[in-house]
C-alpha atoms as a PDB file:
ATOM      1  CA  MET A   1      -6.842  12.890  -1.190  1.00  0.00           C
ATOM      2  CA  ASN A   2      -3.616  13.272   0.757  1.00  0.00           C
ATOM      3  CA  LYS A   3      -2.852  12.068   4.291  1.00  0.00           C
ATOM      4  CA  ASN A   4      -3.989  15.289   6.005  1.00  0.00           C
ATOM      5  CA  GLU A   5      -7.293  15.276   4.132  1.00  0.00           C
ATOM      6  CA  PHE A   6      -7.756  11.617   5.048  1.00  0.00           C
ATOM      7  CA  ILE A   7      -7.067  12.399   8.720  1.00  0.00           C
ATOM      8  CA  SER A   8      -9.631  15.213   8.655  1.00  0.00           C
ATOM      9  CA  LYS A   9     -12.244  12.976   7.041  1.00  0.00           C
ATOM     10  CA  LEU A  10     -11.642  10.170   9.567  1.00  0.00           C
ATOM     11  CA  ALA A  11     -11.836  12.595  12.501  1.00  0.00           C
ATOM     12  CA  GLN A  12     -15.109  14.024  11.182  1.00  0.00           C
ATOM     13  CA  GLN A  13     -16.656  10.597  10.483  1.00  0.00           C
ATOM     14  CA  GLU A  14     -15.730   9.148  13.857  1.00  0.00           C
ATOM     15  CA  GLY A  15     -16.278  12.317  15.899  1.00  0.00           C
ATOM     16  CA  ILE A  16     -12.741  12.355  17.278  1.00  0.00           C
ATOM     17  CA  GLU A  17      -9.984  14.960  17.366  1.00  0.00           C
ATOM     18  CA  LYS A  18      -7.586  15.223  14.453  1.00  0.00           C
ATOM     19  CA  LYS A  19      -4.630  14.411  16.724  1.00  0.00           C
ATOM     20  CA  GLN A  20      -6.238  11.109  17.725  1.00  0.00           C
ATOM     21  CA  ALA A  21      -7.145  10.285  14.106  1.00  0.00           C
ATOM     22  CA  GLU A  22      -3.562  10.972  13.019  1.00  0.00           C
ATOM     23  CA  LYS A  23      -2.215   8.800  15.837  1.00  0.00           C
ATOM     24  CA  ASP A  24      -4.576   5.957  14.833  1.00  0.00           C
ATOM     25  CA  ILE A  25      -3.676   6.157  11.134  1.00  0.00           C
ATOM     26  CA  ASN A  26       0.055   6.249  11.915  1.00  0.00           C
ATOM     27  CA  ALA A  27      -0.335   3.175  14.140  1.00  0.00           C
ATOM     28  CA  VAL A  28      -2.145   1.246  11.398  1.00  0.00           C
ATOM     29  CA  LEU A  29       0.422   2.206   8.763  1.00  0.00           C
ATOM     30  CA  SER A  30       3.294   1.321  11.084  1.00  0.00           C
ATOM     31  CA  ALA A  31       1.812  -2.093  11.897  1.00  0.00           C
ATOM     32  CA  LEU A  32       1.177  -2.747   8.200  1.00  0.00           C
ATOM     33  CA  THR A  33       4.738  -1.762   7.299  1.00  0.00           C
ATOM     34  CA  ASP A  34       6.227  -3.926  10.063  1.00  0.00           C
ATOM     35  CA  ALA A  35       4.196  -6.938   8.906  1.00  0.00           C
ATOM     36  CA  LEU A  36       5.306  -6.516   5.289  1.00  0.00           C
ATOM     37  CA  VAL A  37       8.948  -6.034   6.282  1.00  0.00           C
ATOM     38  CA  SER A  38       8.818  -9.322   8.199  1.00  0.00           C
ATOM     39  CA  GLY A  39       7.347 -11.082   5.139  1.00  0.00           C
ATOM     40  CA  GLU A  40       3.774 -11.468   6.377  1.00  0.00           C
ATOM     41  CA  LYS A  41       0.689 -11.043   4.218  1.00  0.00           C
ATOM     42  CA  VAL A  42      -1.921  -8.637   5.633  1.00  0.00           C
ATOM     43  CA  GLN A  43      -5.499  -9.362   4.617  1.00  0.00           C
ATOM     44  CA  PHE A  44      -8.637  -7.319   5.262  1.00  0.00           C
ATOM     45  CA  VAL A  45     -11.595  -9.431   4.144  1.00  0.00           C
ATOM     46  CA  GLY A  46     -13.690  -7.525   1.617  1.00  0.00           C
ATOM     47  CA  PHE A  47     -11.162  -4.690   1.324  1.00  0.00           C
ATOM     48  CA  GLY A  48      -8.036  -6.392   0.006  1.00  0.00           C
ATOM     49  CA  SER A  49      -4.645  -7.787   0.861  1.00  0.00           C
ATOM     50  CA  PHE A  50      -1.117  -6.440   1.076  1.00  0.00           C
ATOM     51  CA  GLU A  51       1.907  -8.636   0.427  1.00  0.00           C
ATOM     52  CA  VAL A  52       5.524  -8.540  -0.663  1.00  0.00           C
ATOM     53  CA  ARG A  53       6.264  -9.881  -4.138  1.00  0.00           C
ATOM     54  CA  GLU A  54       9.614 -10.853  -5.599  1.00  0.00           C
ATOM     55  CA  ARG A  55      10.722  -9.311  -8.882  1.00  0.00           C
ATOM     56  CA  ALA A  56      13.179 -11.385 -10.870  1.00  0.00           C
ATOM     57  CA  GLU A  57      16.421 -10.060 -12.262  1.00  0.00           C
ATOM     58  CA  LYS A  58      15.927  -8.678 -15.777  1.00  0.00           C
ATOM     59  CA  LYS A  59      17.846  -7.106 -18.627  1.00  0.00           C
ATOM     60  CA  VAL A  60      17.204  -3.402 -19.186  1.00  0.00           C
ATOM     61  CA  ARG A  61      18.595  -0.758 -21.521  1.00  0.00           C
ATOM     62  CA  ASN A  62      19.830   2.705 -20.613  1.00  0.00           C
ATOM     63  CA  PRO A  63      17.882   4.959 -23.025  1.00  0.00           C
ATOM     64  CA  GLN A  64      20.585   7.654 -23.023  1.00  0.00           C
ATOM     65  CA  THR A  65      23.552   5.436 -23.875  1.00  0.00           C
ATOM     66  CA  GLY A  66      21.899   2.323 -25.295  1.00  0.00           C
ATOM     67  CA  GLU A  67      23.982   0.261 -22.891  1.00  0.00           C
ATOM     68  CA  SER A  68      22.474  -3.042 -21.717  1.00  0.00           C
ATOM     69  CA  LEU A  69      22.343  -3.488 -17.954  1.00  0.00           C
ATOM     70  CA  VAL A  70      20.973  -6.043 -15.523  1.00  0.00           C
ATOM     71  CA  ALA A  71      18.387  -4.832 -13.007  1.00  0.00           C
ATOM     72  CA  PRO A  72      18.835  -6.891  -9.843  1.00  0.00           C
ATOM     73  CA  ALA A  73      16.092  -8.985  -8.268  1.00  0.00           C
ATOM     74  CA  THR A  74      14.111  -7.059  -5.677  1.00  0.00           C
ATOM     75  CA  LYS A  75      11.104  -7.181  -3.387  1.00  0.00           C
ATOM     76  CA  VAL A  76       8.128  -4.844  -3.882  1.00  0.00           C
ATOM     77  CA  PRO A  77       4.972  -4.223  -1.850  1.00  0.00           C
ATOM     78  CA  ALA A  78       1.735  -5.133  -3.640  1.00  0.00           C
ATOM     79  CA  PHE A  79      -1.974  -4.605  -3.016  1.00  0.00           C
ATOM     80  CA  LYS A  80      -4.804  -6.700  -4.404  1.00  0.00           C
ATOM     81  CA  ALA A  81      -8.303  -5.250  -4.019  1.00  0.00           C
ATOM     82  CA  GLY A  82     -11.034  -7.434  -2.539  1.00  0.00           C
ATOM     83  CA  LYS A  83     -14.439  -8.042  -4.098  1.00  0.00           C
ATOM     84  CA  ALA A  84     -16.340  -5.606  -1.861  1.00  0.00           C
ATOM     85  CA  LEU A  85     -13.890  -2.780  -2.669  1.00  0.00           C
ATOM     86  CA  LYS A  86     -14.028  -3.523  -6.389  1.00  0.00           C
ATOM     87  CA  ASP A  87     -17.829  -3.545  -6.310  1.00  0.00           C
ATOM     88  CA  ALA A  88     -17.934  -0.246  -4.393  1.00  0.00           C
ATOM     89  CA  VAL A  89     -15.633   1.437  -6.904  1.00  0.00           C
ATOM     90  CA  ILE A  90     -17.582   0.313  -9.963  1.00  0.00           C
ATOM     91  CA  GLY A  91     -20.853   1.275  -8.305  1.00  0.00           C
ATOM     92  CA  LYS A  92     -22.566  -2.065  -7.691  1.00  0.00           C
END
């Protein structure tokens, strides 16, 4: 499901116009992004949590040249599913 399909489904479920559904989804995604950029953890009880994790510097190899390189430390967004979401997906 892509973003447009998700917007259509939300609009249909909630009985609202697609423009309003798109505006709502964009607002949620923007707020989530802003929170992660500022280093906050965002938690939806039962659904899951979003956070920023640190990746350490590591040695890597260029497969074309065989040259050893160092990949710098970086930050990555991460999602951990909550119990209710896991149960829903496995069909409990």
